């Protein structure tokens, strides 16, 4: 007895992807937003490249009818929260986030209930459900400024990243109740191997994202968000940098300062574990197909969207207050 396996035909991909995407962008009146951790070819076709705060602000202000979000799921959700009447596309619906996954909504609801009278400040790297349970959202760019604006006598839960929470505690002197979540990428950096690399490149500065583990941050010459790291690498007089965050940012660093050398901080093994596997699920081909098929689309229950919108708006208001 014979059986025949039927498979869907392989989607037709045009030879000139850049031209095809440009044509679809005009047809859809679309804007392409990309995180710094995306592959370089996606960064090069994006209308805007940024970190979580910059992308949220851009999503809030865009006049486009369609937002193509080259990032991970929680970022596209944020765009949908801010733009309920726009079509929001994510090239690969499986592009999740280990940090967001480390904070299940049901468990966090119990954690919040166990700490009554606490204000919930949640890092934007969380699901829409967690945002809906929060009072204020923050990013790695503004977390310290947000917490500094909260009265000293107000107890605070900080979620979901424990490392960013520890950094905020150190910078503000506040005693925060931390949800013990973490990012798989920023936990892979090896303190021992970074020190060894520093010995080989004595003139290099170590620059690190605050999601890194405390032993790594202790060696950093500068700590900041992805945008802050990018700006610092341009303005610093140093010619070499050891970069302790997802290496996708190095593409923009090299474009902005081609005369400088950027070395990815090593992980604990010889694997490419410091590359976010979720971010790398997005490809130029998938981005094209998402625009062509108007799918995968981000859809949120309206009650979750409305509840999640309030803490994001509060963050944007407080960010304006703290800006020079």
C-alpha atoms as a PDB file:
ATOM      1  CA  UNK A   1       0.000   0.000   0.000  1.00  0.00           C
ATOM      2  CA  UNK A   2       1.330   3.383  -1.007  1.00  0.00           C
ATOM      3  CA  UNK A   3       0.658   6.731   0.605  1.00  0.00           C
ATOM      4  CA  UNK A   4       1.322  10.129  -0.823  1.00  0.00           C
ATOM      5  CA  UNK A   5       2.433  13.066   1.331  1.00  0.00           C
ATOM      6  CA  UNK A   6       1.000  16.350   0.132  1.00  0.00           C
ATOM      7  CA  UNK A   7       2.798  19.520   1.115  1.00  0.00           C
ATOM      8  CA  UNK A   8       2.008  23.139   0.485  1.00  0.00           C
ATOM      9  CA  UNK A   9       4.040  24.589  -2.376  1.00  0.00           C
ATOM     10  CA  UNK A  10       6.972  26.713  -1.303  1.00  0.00           C
ATOM     11  CA  UNK A  11       5.956  30.390  -1.248  1.00  0.00           C
ATOM     12  CA  UNK A  12       7.176  32.328  -4.239  1.00  0.00           C
ATOM     13  CA  UNK A  13       9.936  34.725  -3.201  1.00  0.00           C
ATOM     14  CA  UNK A  14      10.897  37.460  -5.684  1.00  0.00           C
ATOM     15  CA  UNK A  15      14.526  37.802  -6.679  1.00  0.00           C
ATOM     16  CA  UNK A  16      14.645  41.476  -5.666  1.00  0.00           C
ATOM     17  CA  UNK A  17      13.323  41.313  -2.106  1.00  0.00           C
ATOM     18  CA  UNK A  18      14.283  44.891  -1.339  1.00  0.00           C
ATOM     19  CA  UNK A  19      12.327  46.173  -4.345  1.00  0.00           C
ATOM     20  CA  UNK A  20       9.338  43.931  -3.603  1.00  0.00           C
ATOM     21  CA  UNK A  21       9.214  45.093   0.036  1.00  0.00           C
ATOM     22  CA  UNK A  22       9.437  48.730  -1.051  1.00  0.00           C
ATOM     23  CA  UNK A  23       6.484  48.217  -3.419  1.00  0.00           C
ATOM     24  CA  UNK A  24       4.386  46.506  -0.732  1.00  0.00           C
ATOM     25  CA  UNK A  25       5.251  49.235   1.735  1.00  0.00           C
ATOM     26  CA  UNK A  26       3.785  51.823  -0.606  1.00  0.00           C
ATOM     27  CA  UNK A  27       0.736  49.655  -1.343  1.00  0.00           C
ATOM     28  CA  UNK A  28      -0.008  49.112   2.355  1.00  0.00           C
ATOM     29  CA  UNK A  29       1.043  52.583   3.493  1.00  0.00           C
ATOM     30  CA  UNK A  30       3.282  50.683   5.881  1.00  0.00           C
ATOM     31  CA  UNK A  31       6.109  51.582   8.229  1.00  0.00           C
ATOM     32  CA  UNK A  32       8.759  49.005   9.079  1.00  0.00           C
ATOM     33  CA  UNK A  33      10.034  49.162  12.656  1.00  0.00           C
ATOM     34  CA  UNK A  34      13.075  47.057  13.576  1.00  0.00           C
ATOM     35  CA  UNK A  35      14.871  46.387  16.814  1.00  0.00           C
ATOM     36  CA  UNK A  36      18.651  46.699  16.965  1.00  0.00           C
ATOM     37  CA  UNK A  37      18.897  42.936  17.519  1.00  0.00           C
ATOM     38  CA  UNK A  38      17.467  42.052  14.105  1.00  0.00           C
ATOM     39  CA  UNK A  39      19.625  40.714  11.279  1.00  0.00           C
ATOM     40  CA  UNK A  40      21.523  43.440   9.449  1.00  0.00           C
ATOM     41  CA  UNK A  41      19.517  43.095   6.214  1.00  0.00           C
ATOM     42  CA  UNK A  42      16.278  43.785   8.092  1.00  0.00           C
ATOM     43  CA  UNK A  43      17.870  46.764   9.835  1.00  0.00           C
ATOM     44  CA  UNK A  44      18.919  48.128   6.451  1.00  0.00           C
ATOM     45  CA  UNK A  45      15.359  48.171   5.034  1.00  0.00           C
ATOM     46  CA  UNK A  46      13.671  49.477   8.195  1.00  0.00           C
ATOM     47  CA  UNK A  47      12.188  52.970   8.354  1.00  0.00           C
ATOM     48  CA  UNK A  48      13.126  53.185  12.010  1.00  0.00           C
ATOM     49  CA  UNK A  49      15.621  51.191  14.094  1.00  0.00           C
ATOM     50  CA  UNK A  50      15.627  51.478  17.848  1.00  0.00           C
ATOM     51  CA  UNK A  51      15.332  50.013  21.308  1.00  0.00           C
ATOM     52  CA  UNK A  52      12.104  49.339  23.189  1.00  0.00           C
ATOM     53  CA  UNK A  53      11.465  52.954  24.207  1.00  0.00           C
ATOM     54  CA  UNK A  54      12.222  54.429  20.791  1.00  0.00           C
ATOM     55  CA  UNK A  55      10.106  51.817  19.036  1.00  0.00           C
ATOM     56  CA  UNK A  56       7.175  52.398  21.409  1.00  0.00           C
ATOM     57  CA  UNK A  57       7.377  56.145  20.826  1.00  0.00           C
ATOM     58  CA  UNK A  58       7.582  55.683  17.055  1.00  0.00           C
ATOM     59  CA  UNK A  59       4.645  53.267  17.075  1.00  0.00           C
ATOM     60  CA  UNK A  60       2.601  55.796  19.042  1.00  0.00           C
ATOM     61  CA  UNK A  61       3.261  58.569  16.521  1.00  0.00           C
ATOM     62  CA  UNK A  62       3.156  56.828  13.152  1.00  0.00           C
ATOM     63  CA  UNK A  63       0.609  57.879  10.504  1.00  0.00           C
ATOM     64  CA  UNK A  64       1.011  54.610   8.603  1.00  0.00           C
ATOM     65  CA  UNK A  65      -1.958  52.288   8.138  1.00  0.00           C
ATOM     66  CA  UNK A  66       0.200  49.201   8.645  1.00  0.00           C
ATOM     67  CA  UNK A  67       3.010  48.572  11.134  1.00  0.00           C
ATOM     68  CA  UNK A  68       5.418  45.797  10.211  1.00  0.00           C
ATOM     69  CA  UNK A  69       7.269  45.044  13.436  1.00  0.00           C
ATOM     70  CA  UNK A  70      10.588  43.292  12.954  1.00  0.00           C
ATOM     71  CA  UNK A  71      11.154  42.338  16.558  1.00  0.00           C
ATOM     72  CA  UNK A  72       9.599  39.953  19.041  1.00  0.00           C
ATOM     73  CA  UNK A  73       6.009  39.326  20.068  1.00  0.00           C
ATOM     74  CA  UNK A  74       5.773  41.691  23.050  1.00  0.00           C
ATOM     75  CA  UNK A  75       7.084  44.565  20.903  1.00  0.00           C
ATOM     76  CA  UNK A  76       4.445  43.997  18.230  1.00  0.00           C
ATOM     77  CA  UNK A  77       1.842  43.736  21.003  1.00  0.00           C
ATOM     78  CA  UNK A  78       2.959  47.148  22.287  1.00  0.00           C
ATOM     79  CA  UNK A  79       2.470  48.605  18.817  1.00  0.00           C
ATOM     80  CA  UNK A  80      -1.044  47.114  18.688  1.00  0.00           C
ATOM     81  CA  UNK A  81      -1.850  48.433  22.171  1.00  0.00           C
ATOM     82  CA  UNK A  82      -0.951  51.915  20.972  1.00  0.00           C
ATOM     83  CA  UNK A  83      -2.589  51.522  17.538  1.00  0.00           C
ATOM     84  CA  UNK A  84      -5.799  49.499  17.869  1.00  0.00           C
ATOM     85  CA  UNK A  85      -7.101  50.491  14.423  1.00  0.00           C
ATOM     86  CA  UNK A  86      -3.911  49.737  12.513  1.00  0.00           C
ATOM     87  CA  UNK A  87      -2.821  46.455  10.977  1.00  0.00           C
ATOM     88  CA  UNK A  88       0.186  45.231  12.989  1.00  0.00           C
ATOM     89  CA  UNK A  89       2.235  42.441  11.416  1.00  0.00           C
ATOM     90  CA  UNK A  90       4.988  40.296  12.937  1.00  0.00           C
ATOM     91  CA  UNK A  91       7.084  38.370  10.374  1.00  0.00           C
ATOM     92  CA  UNK A  92       7.204  35.240  12.560  1.00  0.00           C
ATOM     93  CA  UNK A  93       4.523  34.737  15.207  1.00  0.00           C
ATOM     94  CA  UNK A  94       6.878  32.393  17.087  1.00  0.00           C
ATOM     95  CA  UNK A  95       9.353  35.201  17.728  1.00  0.00           C
ATOM     96  CA  UNK A  96       8.800  35.289  21.468  1.00  0.00           C
ATOM     97  CA  UNK A  97      11.005  36.361  24.369  1.00  0.00           C
ATOM     98  CA  UNK A  98      12.580  34.266  27.106  1.00  0.00           C
ATOM     99  CA  UNK A  99      12.217  37.147  29.570  1.00  0.00           C
ATOM    100  CA  UNK A 100       8.523  37.650  28.819  1.00  0.00           C
ATOM    101  CA  UNK A 101       8.003  33.879  29.053  1.00  0.00           C
ATOM    102  CA  UNK A 102       9.629  33.855  32.517  1.00  0.00           C
ATOM    103  CA  UNK A 103       6.672  35.802  33.933  1.00  0.00           C
ATOM    104  CA  UNK A 104       3.432  33.786  33.466  1.00  0.00           C
ATOM    105  CA  UNK A 105       0.369  36.004  34.056  1.00  0.00           C
ATOM    106  CA  UNK A 106      -1.360  33.598  36.468  1.00  0.00           C
ATOM    107  CA  UNK A 107       1.715  33.322  38.696  1.00  0.00           C
ATOM    108  CA  UNK A 108       2.370  37.047  38.561  1.00  0.00           C
ATOM    109  CA  UNK A 109      -1.221  37.773  39.610  1.00  0.00           C
ATOM    110  CA  UNK A 110      -0.635  35.683  42.737  1.00  0.00           C
ATOM    111  CA  UNK A 111       2.700  37.423  43.362  1.00  0.00           C
ATOM    112  CA  UNK A 112       1.045  40.828  43.055  1.00  0.00           C
ATOM    113  CA  UNK A 113      -1.770  39.788  45.412  1.00  0.00           C
ATOM    114  CA  UNK A 114       0.832  38.742  48.000  1.00  0.00           C
ATOM    115  CA  UNK A 115       2.230  42.298  48.000  1.00  0.00           C
ATOM    116  CA  UNK A 116      -0.769  44.601  48.474  1.00  0.00           C
ATOM    117  CA  UNK A 117      -0.219  48.353  48.381  1.00  0.00           C
ATOM    118  CA  UNK A 118       2.792  47.904  46.087  1.00  0.00           C
ATOM    119  CA  UNK A 119       3.026  49.881  42.841  1.00  0.00           C
ATOM    120  CA  UNK A 120       3.883  47.597  39.919  1.00  0.00           C
ATOM    121  CA  UNK A 121       6.621  48.856  37.606  1.00  0.00           C
ATOM    122  CA  UNK A 122       7.103  46.424  34.734  1.00  0.00           C
ATOM    123  CA  UNK A 123       9.870  46.363  32.180  1.00  0.00           C
ATOM    124  CA  UNK A 124       8.397  46.662  28.688  1.00  0.00           C
ATOM    125  CA  UNK A 125       9.830  43.199  27.869  1.00  0.00           C
ATOM    126  CA  UNK A 126       6.665  41.490  29.102  1.00  0.00           C
ATOM    127  CA  UNK A 127       3.376  40.256  27.681  1.00  0.00           C
ATOM    128  CA  UNK A 128       0.269  42.384  27.243  1.00  0.00           C
ATOM    129  CA  UNK A 129      -1.308  40.515  30.173  1.00  0.00           C
ATOM    130  CA  UNK A 130       1.531  41.572  32.497  1.00  0.00           C
ATOM    131  CA  UNK A 131       1.326  45.153  31.235  1.00  0.00           C
ATOM    132  CA  UNK A 132      -2.388  45.090  32.026  1.00  0.00           C
ATOM    133  CA  UNK A 133      -1.538  44.221  35.657  1.00  0.00           C
ATOM    134  CA  UNK A 134       1.032  47.011  35.918  1.00  0.00           C
ATOM    135  CA  UNK A 135       0.849  50.611  37.069  1.00  0.00           C
ATOM    136  CA  UNK A 136       3.790  51.931  35.073  1.00  0.00           C
ATOM    137  CA  UNK A 137       5.863  50.453  32.250  1.00  0.00           C
ATOM    138  CA  UNK A 138       9.562  51.246  31.920  1.00  0.00           C
ATOM    139  CA  UNK A 139      12.418  50.417  29.560  1.00  0.00           C
ATOM    140  CA  UNK A 140      16.103  49.924  30.205  1.00  0.00           C
ATOM    141  CA  UNK A 141      16.520  53.504  28.931  1.00  0.00           C
ATOM    142  CA  UNK A 142      14.269  55.103  31.528  1.00  0.00           C
ATOM    143  CA  UNK A 143      13.845  52.597  34.394  1.00  0.00           C
ATOM    144  CA  UNK A 144      16.033  54.594  36.798  1.00  0.00           C
ATOM    145  CA  UNK A 145      14.287  57.876  35.934  1.00  0.00           C
ATOM    146  CA  UNK A 146      10.836  56.287  36.316  1.00  0.00           C
ATOM    147  CA  UNK A 147      11.611  54.831  39.762  1.00  0.00           C
ATOM    148  CA  UNK A 148      13.210  58.105  40.891  1.00  0.00           C
ATOM    149  CA  UNK A 149       9.905  59.884  40.197  1.00  0.00           C
ATOM    150  CA  UNK A 150       7.946  57.584  42.516  1.00  0.00           C
ATOM    151  CA  UNK A 151       7.623  58.792  46.151  1.00  0.00           C
ATOM    152  CA  UNK A 152      10.139  57.184  48.503  1.00  0.00           C
ATOM    153  CA  UNK A 153       7.436  55.842  50.819  1.00  0.00           C
ATOM    154  CA  UNK A 154       5.684  53.966  47.998  1.00  0.00           C
ATOM    155  CA  UNK A 155       6.657  50.252  47.946  1.00  0.00           C
ATOM    156  CA  UNK A 156       7.361  48.913  44.457  1.00  0.00           C
ATOM    157  CA  UNK A 157       7.226  45.568  42.699  1.00  0.00           C
ATOM    158  CA  UNK A 158       9.664  45.494  39.766  1.00  0.00           C
ATOM    159  CA  UNK A 159       9.092  42.868  37.071  1.00  0.00           C
ATOM    160  CA  UNK A 160      10.044  40.800  35.223  1.00  0.00           C
ATOM    161  CA  UNK A 161      13.861  41.185  34.899  1.00  0.00           C
ATOM    162  CA  UNK A 162      15.748  40.639  38.140  1.00  0.00           C
ATOM    163  CA  UNK A 163      19.045  41.920  36.743  1.00  0.00           C
ATOM    164  CA  UNK A 164      17.599  45.205  35.524  1.00  0.00           C
ATOM    165  CA  UNK A 165      15.770  45.428  38.860  1.00  0.00           C
ATOM    166  CA  UNK A 166      19.023  44.965  40.781  1.00  0.00           C
ATOM    167  CA  UNK A 167      20.673  47.641  38.661  1.00  0.00           C
ATOM    168  CA  UNK A 168      17.792  50.045  39.324  1.00  0.00           C
ATOM    169  CA  UNK A 169      18.049  49.338  43.057  1.00  0.00           C
ATOM    170  CA  UNK A 170      21.760  50.128  42.968  1.00  0.00           C
ATOM    171  CA  UNK A 171      21.253  53.356  41.023  1.00  0.00           C
ATOM    172  CA  UNK A 172      18.274  54.648  43.016  1.00  0.00           C
ATOM    173  CA  UNK A 173      18.918  53.290  46.485  1.00  0.00           C
ATOM    174  CA  UNK A 174      15.358  51.922  46.531  1.00  0.00           C
ATOM    175  CA  UNK A 175      14.374  48.579  48.008  1.00  0.00           C
ATOM    176  CA  UNK A 176      12.358  46.891  45.236  1.00  0.00           C
ATOM    177  CA  UNK A 177      10.454  43.616  45.404  1.00  0.00           C
ATOM    178  CA  UNK A 178      11.782  41.733  42.379  1.00  0.00           C
ATOM    179  CA  UNK A 179      10.115  39.155  40.181  1.00  0.00           C
ATOM    180  CA  UNK A 180      12.944  36.736  39.434  1.00  0.00           C
ATOM    181  CA  UNK A 181      12.763  36.619  35.641  1.00  0.00           C
ATOM    182  CA  UNK A 182      15.724  36.927  33.272  1.00  0.00           C
ATOM    183  CA  UNK A 183      16.825  37.091  29.637  1.00  0.00           C
ATOM    184  CA  UNK A 184      18.545  33.966  28.328  1.00  0.00           C
ATOM    185  CA  UNK A 185      20.823  36.025  26.071  1.00  0.00           C
ATOM    186  CA  UNK A 186      22.151  38.353  28.758  1.00  0.00           C
ATOM    187  CA  UNK A 187      22.705  35.487  31.192  1.00  0.00           C
ATOM    188  CA  UNK A 188      25.062  33.635  28.852  1.00  0.00           C
ATOM    189  CA  UNK A 189      27.989  36.051  29.032  1.00  0.00           C
ATOM    190  CA  UNK A 190      31.023  34.616  30.790  1.00  0.00           C
ATOM    191  CA  UNK A 191      32.730  36.860  33.334  1.00  0.00           C
ATOM    192  CA  UNK A 192      35.912  34.773  33.084  1.00  0.00           C
ATOM    193  CA  UNK A 193      36.078  34.940  29.294  1.00  0.00           C
ATOM    194  CA  UNK A 194      35.285  38.672  29.242  1.00  0.00           C
ATOM    195  CA  UNK A 195      38.180  39.294  31.647  1.00  0.00           C
ATOM    196  CA  UNK A 196      40.447  37.186  29.445  1.00  0.00           C
ATOM    197  CA  UNK A 197      39.322  39.161  26.395  1.00  0.00           C
ATOM    198  CA  UNK A 198      40.009  42.409  28.229  1.00  0.00           C
ATOM    199  CA  UNK A 199      43.563  41.239  28.955  1.00  0.00           C
ATOM    200  CA  UNK A 200      44.051  40.636  25.222  1.00  0.00           C
ATOM    201  CA  UNK A 201      42.530  44.046  24.366  1.00  0.00           C
ATOM    202  CA  UNK A 202      43.713  46.259  27.211  1.00  0.00           C
ATOM    203  CA  UNK A 203      42.608  49.493  25.546  1.00  0.00           C
ATOM    204  CA  UNK A 204      39.089  48.244  24.918  1.00  0.00           C
ATOM    205  CA  UNK A 205      36.160  49.494  26.964  1.00  0.00           C
ATOM    206  CA  UNK A 206      33.579  47.002  28.174  1.00  0.00           C
ATOM    207  CA  UNK A 207      30.050  48.280  27.532  1.00  0.00           C
ATOM    208  CA  UNK A 208      27.080  46.296  28.841  1.00  0.00           C
ATOM    209  CA  UNK A 209      23.303  46.187  28.953  1.00  0.00           C
ATOM    210  CA  UNK A 210      21.801  46.268  32.481  1.00  0.00           C
ATOM    211  CA  UNK A 211      20.056  42.936  31.816  1.00  0.00           C
ATOM    212  CA  UNK A 212      23.491  41.294  32.219  1.00  0.00           C
ATOM    213  CA  UNK A 213      24.347  39.437  35.408  1.00  0.00           C
ATOM    214  CA  UNK A 214      25.995  41.479  38.235  1.00  0.00           C
ATOM    215  CA  UNK A 215      29.457  39.807  37.817  1.00  0.00           C
ATOM    216  CA  UNK A 216      29.547  41.053  34.204  1.00  0.00           C
ATOM    217  CA  UNK A 217      28.290  44.537  35.079  1.00  0.00           C
ATOM    218  CA  UNK A 218      31.059  44.894  37.681  1.00  0.00           C
ATOM    219  CA  UNK A 219      33.616  44.929  34.857  1.00  0.00           C
ATOM    220  CA  UNK A 220      31.712  47.352  32.628  1.00  0.00           C
ATOM    221  CA  UNK A 221      33.124  50.782  31.858  1.00  0.00           C
ATOM    222  CA  UNK A 222      29.660  51.865  30.748  1.00  0.00           C
ATOM    223  CA  UNK A 223      26.186  50.401  31.337  1.00  0.00           C
ATOM    224  CA  UNK A 224      23.165  51.418  29.280  1.00  0.00           C
ATOM    225  CA  UNK A 225      20.299  50.493  26.991  1.00  0.00           C
ATOM    226  CA  UNK A 226      21.012  49.469  23.415  1.00  0.00           C
ATOM    227  CA  UNK A 227      20.526  53.052  22.211  1.00  0.00           C
ATOM    228  CA  UNK A 228      22.717  54.374  25.020  1.00  0.00           C
ATOM    229  CA  UNK A 229      25.447  51.847  24.174  1.00  0.00           C
ATOM    230  CA  UNK A 230      25.280  52.881  20.521  1.00  0.00           C
ATOM    231  CA  UNK A 231      25.587  56.581  21.366  1.00  0.00           C
ATOM    232  CA  UNK A 232      28.388  55.968  23.857  1.00  0.00           C
ATOM    233  CA  UNK A 233      30.406  53.979  21.332  1.00  0.00           C
ATOM    234  CA  UNK A 234      30.255  56.968  18.987  1.00  0.00           C
ATOM    235  CA  UNK A 235      31.215  59.636  21.519  1.00  0.00           C
ATOM    236  CA  UNK A 236      33.837  57.750  23.531  1.00  0.00           C
ATOM    237  CA  UNK A 237      37.463  58.372  22.617  1.00  0.00           C
ATOM    238  CA  UNK A 238      38.147  54.630  22.837  1.00  0.00           C
ATOM    239  CA  UNK A 239      38.847  52.787  19.598  1.00  0.00           C
ATOM    240  CA  UNK A 240      37.885  49.300  20.785  1.00  0.00           C
ATOM    241  CA  UNK A 241      34.810  48.036  22.603  1.00  0.00           C
ATOM    242  CA  UNK A 242      33.796  44.699  24.084  1.00  0.00           C
ATOM    243  CA  UNK A 243      30.024  44.678  23.672  1.00  0.00           C
ATOM    244  CA  UNK A 244      28.003  42.737  26.275  1.00  0.00           C
ATOM    245  CA  UNK A 245      24.569  42.625  24.719  1.00  0.00           C
ATOM    246  CA  UNK A 246      22.952  40.922  21.719  1.00  0.00           C
ATOM    247  CA  UNK A 247      25.474  41.353  18.871  1.00  0.00           C
ATOM    248  CA  UNK A 248      22.868  42.638  16.398  1.00  0.00           C
ATOM    249  CA  UNK A 249      23.607  46.140  17.717  1.00  0.00           C
ATOM    250  CA  UNK A 250      27.160  45.912  16.386  1.00  0.00           C
ATOM    251  CA  UNK A 251      25.875  46.423  12.827  1.00  0.00           C
ATOM    252  CA  UNK A 252      24.740  49.935  13.735  1.00  0.00           C
ATOM    253  CA  UNK A 253      27.878  50.592  15.776  1.00  0.00           C
ATOM    254  CA  UNK A 254      30.073  49.726  12.805  1.00  0.00           C
ATOM    255  CA  UNK A 255      27.980  51.886  10.473  1.00  0.00           C
ATOM    256  CA  UNK A 256      28.178  54.865  12.847  1.00  0.00           C
ATOM    257  CA  UNK A 257      31.883  54.489  13.662  1.00  0.00           C
ATOM    258  CA  UNK A 258      33.588  52.381  10.955  1.00  0.00           C
ATOM    259  CA  UNK A 259      37.020  53.369  12.233  1.00  0.00           C
ATOM    260  CA  UNK A 260      36.394  51.620  15.560  1.00  0.00           C
ATOM    261  CA  UNK A 261      36.505  47.923  16.494  1.00  0.00           C
ATOM    262  CA  UNK A 262      33.573  46.179  18.190  1.00  0.00           C
ATOM    263  CA  UNK A 263      34.052  42.750  19.759  1.00  0.00           C
ATOM    264  CA  UNK A 264      31.058  40.664  20.878  1.00  0.00           C
ATOM    265  CA  UNK A 265      31.393  39.646  24.519  1.00  0.00           C
ATOM    266  CA  UNK A 266      31.913  35.874  24.704  1.00  0.00           C
ATOM    267  CA  UNK A 267      29.375  33.445  26.119  1.00  0.00           C
ATOM    268  CA  UNK A 268      30.151  30.594  28.499  1.00  0.00           C
ATOM    269  CA  UNK A 269      30.632  28.212  25.576  1.00  0.00           C
ATOM    270  CA  UNK A 270      31.728  28.537  21.966  1.00  0.00           C
ATOM    271  CA  UNK A 271      28.129  28.615  20.730  1.00  0.00           C
ATOM    272  CA  UNK A 272      26.349  31.706  19.386  1.00  0.00           C
ATOM    273  CA  UNK A 273      24.270  31.771  22.591  1.00  0.00           C
ATOM    274  CA  UNK A 274      24.532  35.559  22.831  1.00  0.00           C
ATOM    275  CA  UNK A 275      22.378  35.813  19.697  1.00  0.00           C
ATOM    276  CA  UNK A 276      18.682  35.950  20.536  1.00  0.00           C
ATOM    277  CA  UNK A 277      17.112  32.901  18.836  1.00  0.00           C
ATOM    278  CA  UNK A 278      13.695  34.569  18.924  1.00  0.00           C
ATOM    279  CA  UNK A 279      14.866  37.751  17.186  1.00  0.00           C
ATOM    280  CA  UNK A 280      16.635  35.639  14.558  1.00  0.00           C
ATOM    281  CA  UNK A 281      13.400  33.882  13.600  1.00  0.00           C
ATOM    282  CA  UNK A 282      12.501  36.969  11.583  1.00  0.00           C
ATOM    283  CA  UNK A 283      14.016  37.020   8.114  1.00  0.00           C
ATOM    284  CA  UNK A 284      13.735  39.284   5.104  1.00  0.00           C
ATOM    285  CA  UNK A 285      11.739  36.568   3.317  1.00  0.00           C
ATOM    286  CA  UNK A 286       9.258  36.245   6.194  1.00  0.00           C
ATOM    287  CA  UNK A 287       8.908  40.019   6.365  1.00  0.00           C
ATOM    288  CA  UNK A 288       8.045  40.112   2.666  1.00  0.00           C
ATOM    289  CA  UNK A 289       5.508  37.281   3.030  1.00  0.00           C
ATOM    290  CA  UNK A 290       3.885  38.927   6.045  1.00  0.00           C
ATOM    291  CA  UNK A 291       3.351  42.093   4.021  1.00  0.00           C
ATOM    292  CA  UNK A 292       2.152  40.175   0.969  1.00  0.00           C
ATOM    293  CA  UNK A 293      -0.307  38.017   2.958  1.00  0.00           C
ATOM    294  CA  UNK A 294      -1.230  40.654   5.589  1.00  0.00           C
ATOM    295  CA  UNK A 295      -0.422  37.960   8.134  1.00  0.00           C
ATOM    296  CA  UNK A 296       0.581  37.031  10.864  1.00  0.00           C
ATOM    297  CA  UNK A 297      -1.457  39.817  12.441  1.00  0.00           C
ATOM    298  CA  UNK A 298      -1.301  40.808  16.094  1.00  0.00           C
ATOM    299  CA  UNK A 299      -4.777  40.743  17.653  1.00  0.00           C
ATOM    300  CA  UNK A 300      -5.501  41.515  21.319  1.00  0.00           C
ATOM    301  CA  UNK A 301      -8.653  41.294  23.435  1.00  0.00           C
ATOM    302  CA  UNK A 302      -9.892  44.866  23.864  1.00  0.00           C
ATOM    303  CA  UNK A 303     -10.074  44.678  27.663  1.00  0.00           C
ATOM    304  CA  UNK A 304      -6.414  43.593  27.826  1.00  0.00           C
ATOM    305  CA  UNK A 305      -5.367  46.243  25.314  1.00  0.00           C
ATOM    306  CA  UNK A 306      -7.092  49.066  27.211  1.00  0.00           C
ATOM    307  CA  UNK A 307      -5.697  47.938  30.568  1.00  0.00           C
ATOM    308  CA  UNK A 308      -2.185  47.614  29.097  1.00  0.00           C
ATOM    309  CA  UNK A 309      -2.396  51.025  27.438  1.00  0.00           C
ATOM    310  CA  UNK A 310      -2.641  52.993  30.702  1.00  0.00           C
ATOM    311  CA  UNK A 311       0.809  52.060  32.150  1.00  0.00           C
ATOM    312  CA  UNK A 312       2.462  52.610  28.758  1.00  0.00           C
ATOM    313  CA  UNK A 313       0.924  56.086  28.510  1.00  0.00           C
ATOM    314  CA  UNK A 314       2.080  56.776  32.056  1.00  0.00           C
ATOM    315  CA  UNK A 315       5.619  55.800  31.059  1.00  0.00           C
ATOM    316  CA  UNK A 316       5.566  58.073  28.025  1.00  0.00           C
ATOM    317  CA  UNK A 317       4.303  60.970  30.181  1.00  0.00           C
ATOM    318  CA  UNK A 318       6.967  60.370  32.844  1.00  0.00           C
ATOM    319  CA  UNK A 319       9.672  60.039  30.188  1.00  0.00           C
ATOM    320  CA  UNK A 320       8.782  63.530  28.934  1.00  0.00           C
ATOM    321  CA  UNK A 321       9.001  64.858  32.504  1.00  0.00           C
ATOM    322  CA  UNK A 322      12.471  63.348  33.004  1.00  0.00           C
ATOM    323  CA  UNK A 323      13.814  64.525  29.613  1.00  0.00           C
ATOM    324  CA  UNK A 324      16.198  67.511  29.662  1.00  0.00           C
END
